[in-house]
Amino acid sequence: MEKRQGALYFDREEERYNIRFGLEECYHGLYCGGGLEVLVGKRWVRTRIEKAADWYLVGIDTDWLDGLRVRV
């Protein structure tokens, strides 16, 4: 199965991050421990999303998740 690429965004209604694939298509399957890949420079890095005081990606050094290029 081919992986789909999109961008992370925070859904205020669900109080969690989701992935937007286009203007009308979203992925609402991100939960703590959920695996995904994030584009770092020119390579895809496997990670998972977690939440402590705030949401973060394990092993990815950034304070801002909105708009990150990801694939699932």
Protein backbone atom coordinates (compact mmCIF):
# COMPACT_ATOMS: atom_id res chain seq x y z
CA MET A 1 0.00 0.00 0.00
CA GLU A 2 1.34 3.43 -0.95
CA LYS A 3 1.79 5.93 1.87
CA ARG A 4 -0.13 9.19 1.73
CA GLN A 5 1.55 12.55 2.28
CA GLY A 6 0.01 15.53 4.00
CA ALA A 7 0.56 18.23 6.60
CA LEU A 8 -0.01 18.13 10.36
CA TYR A 9 -2.57 20.52 11.83
CA PHE A 10 -4.15 20.89 15.26
CA ASP A 11 -7.87 20.21 15.31
CA ARG A 12 -9.31 22.33 18.13
CA GLU A 13 -12.61 20.42 18.22
CA GLU A 14 -10.89 17.05 18.70
CA GLU A 15 -8.03 18.58 20.73
CA ARG A 16 -5.48 16.55 18.80
CA TYR A 17 -3.31 16.65 15.70
CA ASN A 18 -4.61 15.33 12.40
CA ILE A 19 -3.25 15.24 8.86
CA ARG A 20 -4.66 17.30 6.01
CA PHE A 21 -4.22 15.79 2.54
CA GLY A 22 -6.00 18.58 0.68
CA LEU A 23 -8.70 21.18 1.15
CA GLU A 24 -11.43 18.63 1.82
CA GLU A 25 -9.64 15.46 2.93
CA CYS A 26 -8.23 14.79 6.38
CA TYR A 27 -6.89 11.85 8.35
CA HIS A 28 -8.40 11.70 11.83
CA GLY A 29 -6.45 8.70 13.08
CA LEU A 30 -3.59 10.22 15.08
CA TYR A 31 -3.56 9.18 18.72
CA CYS A 32 -0.80 8.92 21.32
CA GLY A 33 1.68 6.33 20.11
CA GLY A 34 0.48 6.58 16.51
CA GLY A 35 3.25 5.99 13.98
CA LEU A 36 4.03 8.24 11.04
CA GLU A 37 6.97 9.59 9.07
CA VAL A 38 8.05 13.23 8.99
CA LEU A 39 10.14 14.91 6.30
CA VAL A 40 13.40 16.15 7.83
CA GLY A 41 15.50 17.90 5.23
CA LYS A 42 15.38 15.53 2.27
CA ARG A 43 14.65 12.27 4.09
CA TRP A 44 11.69 10.64 5.79
CA VAL A 45 12.16 9.82 9.48
CA ARG A 46 9.94 7.32 11.33
CA THR A 47 8.46 8.68 14.55
CA ARG A 48 5.34 8.57 16.67
CA ILE A 49 3.14 11.28 18.12
CA GLU A 50 2.84 11.58 21.91
CA LYS A 51 1.39 14.01 24.44
CA ALA A 52 2.81 15.12 27.78
CA ALA A 53 2.18 18.77 28.67
CA ASP A 54 1.89 19.30 24.90
CA TRP A 55 1.98 17.21 21.71
CA TYR A 56 5.39 16.19 20.32
CA LEU A 57 7.04 13.81 17.87
CA VAL A 58 9.47 11.34 19.42
CA GLY A 59 13.04 12.05 18.26
CA ILE A 60 12.10 15.15 16.27
CA ASP A 61 13.55 18.40 17.66
CA THR A 62 10.88 21.04 17.01
CA ASP A 63 8.46 23.07 19.10
CA TRP A 64 6.03 23.66 16.21
CA LEU A 65 4.17 20.73 14.64
CA ASP A 66 1.61 22.59 12.52
CA GLY A 67 2.40 22.33 8.83
CA LEU A 68 5.08 19.63 9.11
CA ARG A 69 5.13 17.39 6.03
CA VAL A 70 4.21 13.85 7.10
CA ARG A 71 3.12 10.57 5.59
CA VAL A 72 1.13 7.59 6.82
